PDB file of N, CA and C in Angstrom:
ATOM      1  N   MET A   1     123.997 135.916 184.881  1.00  0.00           N
ATOM      2  CA  MET A   1     122.608 136.296 185.027  1.00  0.00           C
ATOM      3  C   MET A   1     121.823 135.132 185.641  1.00  0.00           C
ATOM      4  N   PRO A   2     120.967 135.432 186.613  1.00  0.00           N
ATOM      5  CA  PRO A   2     120.140 134.371 187.199  1.00  0.00           C
ATOM      6  C   PRO A   2     119.054 133.901 186.226  1.00  0.00           C
ATOM      7  N   ILE A   3     118.634 132.661 186.394  1.00  0.00           N
ATOM      8  CA  ILE A   3     117.626 132.070 185.519  1.00  0.00           C
ATOM      9  C   ILE A   3     116.380 131.756 186.352  1.00  0.00           C
ATOM     10  N   CYS A   4     115.233 132.195 185.861  1.00  0.00           N
ATOM     11  CA  CYS A   4     113.950 131.952 186.518  1.00  0.00           C
ATOM     12  C   CYS A   4     113.596 130.476 186.384  1.00  0.00           C
ATOM     13  N   ARG A   5     113.121 129.873 187.472  1.00  0.00           N
ATOM     14  CA  ARG A   5     112.741 128.462 187.430  1.00  0.00           C
ATOM     15  C   ARG A   5     111.367 128.247 186.813  1.00  0.00           C
ATOM     16  N   GLY A   6     110.602 129.308 186.670  1.00  0.00           N
ATOM     17  CA  GLY A   6     109.265 129.185 186.089  1.00  0.00           C
ATOM     18  C   GLY A   6     109.289 129.242 184.577  1.00  0.00           C
ATOM     19  N   CYS A   7     109.918 130.287 184.033  1.00  0.00           N
ATOM     20  CA  CYS A   7     109.900 130.479 182.582  1.00  0.00           C
ATOM     21  C   CYS A   7     111.247 130.162 181.922  1.00  0.00           C
ATOM     22  N   LYS A   8     112.256 129.847 182.714  1.00  0.00           N
ATOM     23  CA  LYS A   8     113.596 129.472 182.224  1.00  0.00           C
ATOM     24  C   LYS A   8     114.301 130.591 181.458  1.00  0.00           C
ATOM     25  N   ASP A   9     113.922 131.848 181.705  1.00  0.00           N
ATOM     26  CA  ASP A   9     114.569 132.985 181.060  1.00  0.00           C
ATOM     27  C   ASP A   9     115.601 133.605 181.991  1.00  0.00           C
ATOM     28  N   GLU A  10     116.581 134.262 181.403  1.00  0.00           N
ATOM     29  CA  GLU A  10     117.557 135.004 182.200  1.00  0.00           C
ATOM     30  C   GLU A  10     116.926 136.338 182.603  1.00  0.00           C
ATOM     31  N   VAL A  11     117.060 136.675 183.889  1.00  0.00           N
ATOM     32  CA  VAL A  11     116.463 137.902 184.410  1.00  0.00           C
ATOM     33  C   VAL A  11     117.506 138.661 185.222  1.00  0.00           C
ATOM     34  N   ASP A  12     117.208 139.922 185.502  1.00  0.00           N
ATOM     35  CA  ASP A  12     118.123 140.733 186.298  1.00  0.00           C
ATOM     36  C   ASP A  12     118.069 140.368 187.767  1.00  0.00           C
ATOM     37  N   GLN A  13     116.850 140.078 188.264  1.00  0.00           N
ATOM     38  CA  GLN A  13     116.690 139.816 189.686  1.00  0.00           C
ATOM     39  C   GLN A  13     115.617 138.760 189.903  1.00  0.00           C
ATOM     40  N   LEU A  14     115.828 137.888 190.896  1.00  0.00           N
ATOM     41  CA  LEU A  14     114.856 136.867 191.246  1.00  0.00           C
ATOM     42  C   LEU A  14     114.176 137.238 192.554  1.00  0.00           C
ATOM     43  N   VAL A  15     112.935 136.792 192.698  1.00  0.00           N
ATOM     44  CA  VAL A  15     112.154 137.044 193.901  1.00  0.00           C
ATOM     45  C   VAL A  15     111.857 135.696 194.541  1.00  0.00           C
ATOM     46  N   ALA A  16     112.048 135.573 195.857  1.00  0.00           N
ATOM     47  CA  ALA A  16     111.752 134.336 196.568  1.00  0.00           C
ATOM     48  C   ALA A  16     110.274 134.320 196.947  1.00  0.00           C
ATOM     49  N   VAL A  17     109.571 133.248 196.539  1.00  0.00           N
ATOM     50  CA  VAL A  17     108.142 133.107 196.793  1.00  0.00           C
ATOM     51  C   VAL A  17     107.894 131.716 197.367  1.00  0.00           C
ATOM     52  N   THR A  18     107.007 131.635 198.367  1.00  0.00           N
ATOM     53  CA  THR A  18     106.632 130.343 198.921  1.00  0.00           C
ATOM     54  C   THR A  18     105.301 129.919 198.315  1.00  0.00           C
ATOM     55  N   VAL A  19     105.315 128.797 197.616  1.00  0.00           N
ATOM     56  CA  VAL A  19     104.120 128.278 196.963  1.00  0.00           C
ATOM     57  C   VAL A  19     103.963 126.817 197.365  1.00  0.00           C
ATOM     58  N   ALA A  20     102.812 126.497 197.944  1.00  0.00           N
ATOM     59  CA  ALA A  20     102.501 125.124 198.365  1.00  0.00           C
ATOM     60  C   ALA A  20     103.592 124.558 199.275  1.00  0.00           C
ATOM     61  N   GLY A  21     104.120 125.380 200.162  1.00  0.00           N
ATOM     62  CA  GLY A  21     105.132 124.937 201.105  1.00  0.00           C
ATOM     63  C   GLY A  21     106.541 124.880 200.554  1.00  0.00           C
ATOM     64  N   LYS A  22     106.717 125.210 199.287  1.00  0.00           N
ATOM     65  CA  LYS A  22     108.050 125.200 198.678  1.00  0.00           C
ATOM     66  C   LYS A  22     108.480 126.631 198.395  1.00  0.00           C
ATOM     67  N   ARG A  23     109.727 126.904 198.654  1.00  0.00           N
ATOM     68  CA  ARG A  23     110.274 128.238 198.399  1.00  0.00           C
ATOM     69  C   ARG A  23     110.933 128.220 197.026  1.00  0.00           C
ATOM     70  N   LEU A  24     110.443 129.071 196.132  1.00  0.00           N
ATOM     71  CA  LEU A  24     110.945 129.134 194.760  1.00  0.00           C
ATOM     72  C   LEU A  24     111.525 130.507 194.474  1.00  0.00           C
ATOM     73  N   LYS A  25     112.522 130.553 193.631  1.00  0.00           N
ATOM     74  CA  LYS A  25     113.082 131.815 193.175  1.00  0.00           C
ATOM     75  C   LYS A  25     112.627 132.029 191.739  1.00  0.00           C
ATOM     76  N   LEU A  26     111.743 133.018 191.556  1.00  0.00           N
ATOM     77  CA  LEU A  26     111.131 133.271 190.263  1.00  0.00           C
ATOM     78  C   LEU A  26     111.319 134.725 189.880  1.00  0.00           C
ATOM     79  N   CYS A  27     111.108 135.016 188.587  1.00  0.00           N
ATOM     80  CA  CYS A  27     111.116 136.403 188.141  1.00  0.00           C
ATOM     81  C   CYS A  27     109.838 137.078 188.637  1.00  0.00           C
ATOM     82  N   GLU A  28     109.744 138.377 188.513  1.00  0.00           N
ATOM     83  CA  GLU A  28     108.599 139.143 189.014  1.00  0.00           C
ATOM     84  C   GLU A  28     107.291 138.663 188.399  1.00  0.00           C
ATOM     85  N   ASP A  29     107.255 138.425 187.086  1.00  0.00           N
ATOM     86  CA  ASP A  29     106.027 137.988 186.418  1.00  0.00           C
ATOM     87  C   ASP A  29     105.581 136.610 186.910  1.00  0.00           C
ATOM     88  N   CYS A  30     106.506 135.684 186.966  1.00  0.00           N
ATOM     89  CA  CYS A  30     106.175 134.333 187.424  1.00  0.00           C
ATOM     90  C   CYS A  30     105.779 134.345 188.904  1.00  0.00           C
ATOM     91  N   ALA A  31     106.409 135.184 189.709  1.00  0.00           N
ATOM     92  CA  ALA A  31     106.080 135.290 191.129  1.00  0.00           C
ATOM     93  C   ALA A  31     104.656 135.806 191.304  1.00  0.00           C
ATOM     94  N   ASP A  32     104.277 136.826 190.530  1.00  0.00           N
ATOM     95  CA  ASP A  32     102.914 137.348 190.600  1.00  0.00           C
ATOM     96  C   ASP A  32     101.901 136.279 190.201  1.00  0.00           C
ATOM     97  N   ARG A  33     102.203 135.555 189.140  1.00  0.00           N
ATOM     98  CA  ARG A  33     101.325 134.496 188.669  1.00  0.00           C
ATOM     99  C   ARG A  33     101.183 133.396 189.719  1.00  0.00           C
ATOM    100  N   ALA A  34     102.295 133.021 190.359  1.00  0.00           N
ATOM    101  CA  ALA A  34     102.269 131.971 191.382  1.00  0.00           C
ATOM    102  C   ALA A  34     101.460 132.418 192.599  1.00  0.00           C
ATOM    103  N   ARG A  35     101.604 133.690 192.996  1.00  0.00           N
ATOM    104  CA  ARG A  35     100.824 134.211 194.126  1.00  0.00           C
ATOM    105  C   ARG A  35      99.333 134.188 193.810  1.00  0.00           C
ATOM    106  N   GLU A  36      98.966 134.591 192.607  1.00  0.00           N
ATOM    107  CA  GLU A  36      97.557 134.601 192.216  1.00  0.00           C
ATOM    108  C   GLU A  36      96.984 133.180 192.199  1.00  0.00           C
ATOM    109  N   GLU A  37      97.740 132.239 191.653  1.00  0.00           N
ATOM    110  CA  GLU A  37      97.279 130.854 191.608  1.00  0.00           C
ATOM    111  C   GLU A  37      97.108 130.282 193.009  1.00  0.00           C
ATOM    112  N   ALA A  38      98.032 130.600 193.915  1.00  0.00           N
ATOM    113  CA  ALA A  38      97.939 130.120 195.292  1.00  0.00           C
ATOM    114  C   ALA A  38      96.720 130.719 195.988  1.00  0.00           C
ATOM    115  N   GLU A  39      96.457 131.997 195.745  1.00  0.00           N
ATOM    116  CA  GLU A  39      95.300 132.654 196.352  1.00  0.00           C
ATOM    117  C   GLU A  39      93.996 132.041 195.846  1.00  0.00           C
ATOM    118  N   VAL A  40      93.897 131.793 194.552  1.00  0.00           N
ATOM    119  CA  VAL A  40      92.696 131.176 193.981  1.00  0.00           C
ATOM    120  C   VAL A  40      92.506 129.769 194.550  1.00  0.00           C
ATOM    121  N   ALA A  41      93.576 129.009 194.663  1.00  0.00           N
ATOM    122  CA  ALA A  41      93.485 127.653 195.202  1.00  0.00           C
ATOM    123  C   ALA A  41      93.018 127.681 196.650  1.00  0.00           C
ATOM    124  N   ARG A  42      93.539 128.612 197.435  1.00  0.00           N
ATOM    125  CA  ARG A  42      93.160 128.731 198.842  1.00  0.00           C
ATOM    126  C   ARG A  42      91.676 129.096 198.973  1.00  0.00           C
ATOM    127  N   GLU A  43      91.219 130.041 198.159  1.00  0.00           N
ATOM    128  CA  GLU A  43      89.821 130.458 198.216  1.00  0.00           C
ATOM    129  C   GLU A  43      88.882 129.342 197.756  1.00  0.00           C
ATOM    130  N   SER A  44      89.262 128.629 196.706  1.00  0.00           N
ATOM    131  CA  SER A  44      88.396 127.552 196.213  1.00  0.00           C
ATOM    132  C   SER A  44      88.331 126.414 197.229  1.00  0.00           C
ATOM    133  N   GLU A  45      89.424 126.131 197.901  1.00  0.00           N
ATOM    134  CA  GLU A  45      89.415 125.097 198.929  1.00  0.00           C
ATOM    135  C   GLU A  45      88.492 125.501 200.073  1.00  0.00           C
ATOM    136  N   SER A  46      88.513 126.775 200.428  1.00  0.00           N
ATOM    137  CA  SER A  46      87.644 127.275 201.482  1.00  0.00           C
ATOM    138  C   SER A  46      86.175 127.126 201.105  1.00  0.00           C
ATOM    139  N   VAL A  47      85.847 127.436 199.864  1.00  0.00           N
ATOM    140  CA  VAL A  47      84.465 127.311 199.397  1.00  0.00           C
ATOM    141  C   VAL A  47      84.023 125.851 199.427  1.00  0.00           C
ATOM    142  N   ILE A  48      84.856 124.965 198.958  1.00  0.00           N
ATOM    143  CA  ILE A  48      84.528 123.536 198.938  1.00  0.00           C
ATOM    144  C   ILE A  48      84.330 123.021 200.355  1.00  0.00           C
ATOM    145  N   GLN A  49      85.213 123.415 201.273  1.00  0.00           N
ATOM    146  CA  GLN A  49      85.070 122.978 202.656  1.00  0.00           C
ATOM    147  C   GLN A  49      83.785 123.520 203.263  1.00  0.00           C
ATOM    148  N   GLY A  50      83.410 124.751 202.909  1.00  0.00           N
ATOM    149  CA  GLY A  50      82.164 125.329 203.402  1.00  0.00           C
ATOM    150  C   GLY A  50      80.953 124.564 202.897  1.00  0.00           C
ATOM    151  N   MET A  51      80.991 124.157 201.633  1.00  0.00           N
ATOM    152  CA  MET A  51      79.876 123.390 201.075  1.00  0.00           C
ATOM    153  C   MET A  51      79.759 122.016 201.730  1.00  0.00           C
ATOM    154  N   MET A  52      80.888 121.437 202.102  1.00  0.00           N
ATOM    155  CA  MET A  52      80.875 120.107 202.696  1.00  0.00           C
ATOM    156  C   MET A  52      80.637 120.152 204.205  1.00  0.00           C
ATOM    157  N   GLY A  53      80.629 121.347 204.781  1.00  0.00           N
ATOM    158  CA  GLY A  53      80.377 121.480 206.207  1.00  0.00           C
ATOM    159  C   GLY A  53      81.598 121.189 207.069  1.00  0.00           C
ATOM    160  N   PHE A  54      82.772 121.310 206.524  1.00  0.00           N
ATOM    161  CA  PHE A  54      84.001 121.067 207.271  1.00  0.00           C
ATOM    162  C   PHE A  54      84.223 122.214 208.261  1.00  0.00           C
ATOM    163  N   LYS A  55      84.384 121.882 209.540  1.00  0.00           N
ATOM    164  CA  LYS A  55      84.534 122.915 210.548  1.00  0.00           C
ATOM    165  C   LYS A  55      85.882 122.890 211.254  1.00  0.00           C
ATOM    166  N   GLY A  56      86.789 122.027 210.867  1.00  0.00           N
ATOM    167  CA  GLY A  56      88.099 121.930 211.492  1.00  0.00           C
ATOM    168  C   GLY A  56      89.119 122.814 210.817  1.00  0.00           C
ATOM    169  N   ARG A  57      90.333 122.687 211.269  1.00  0.00           N
ATOM    170  CA  ARG A  57      91.439 123.424 210.645  1.00  0.00           C
ATOM    171  C   ARG A  57      92.193 122.479 209.756  1.00  0.00           C
ATOM    172  N   ARG A  58      92.860 123.019 208.824  1.00  0.00           N
ATOM    173  CA  ARG A  58      93.636 122.229 207.886  1.00  0.00           C
ATOM    174  C   ARG A  58      94.953 121.832 208.447  1.00  0.00           C
TER     175      ARG A  58
END
């Protein structure tokens, strides 16, 4: 049985997710959580850059 790198539990199937430039194999729950965290981080960075007047690309 494969083991999730996020929660360290044995699962039936792993899902490959790219988070912060790293490709991780996680269970469905951990993958959803990682996607949500990445989306929140991306949006908050955009807001901060907007407040600071940053007009370039990352």
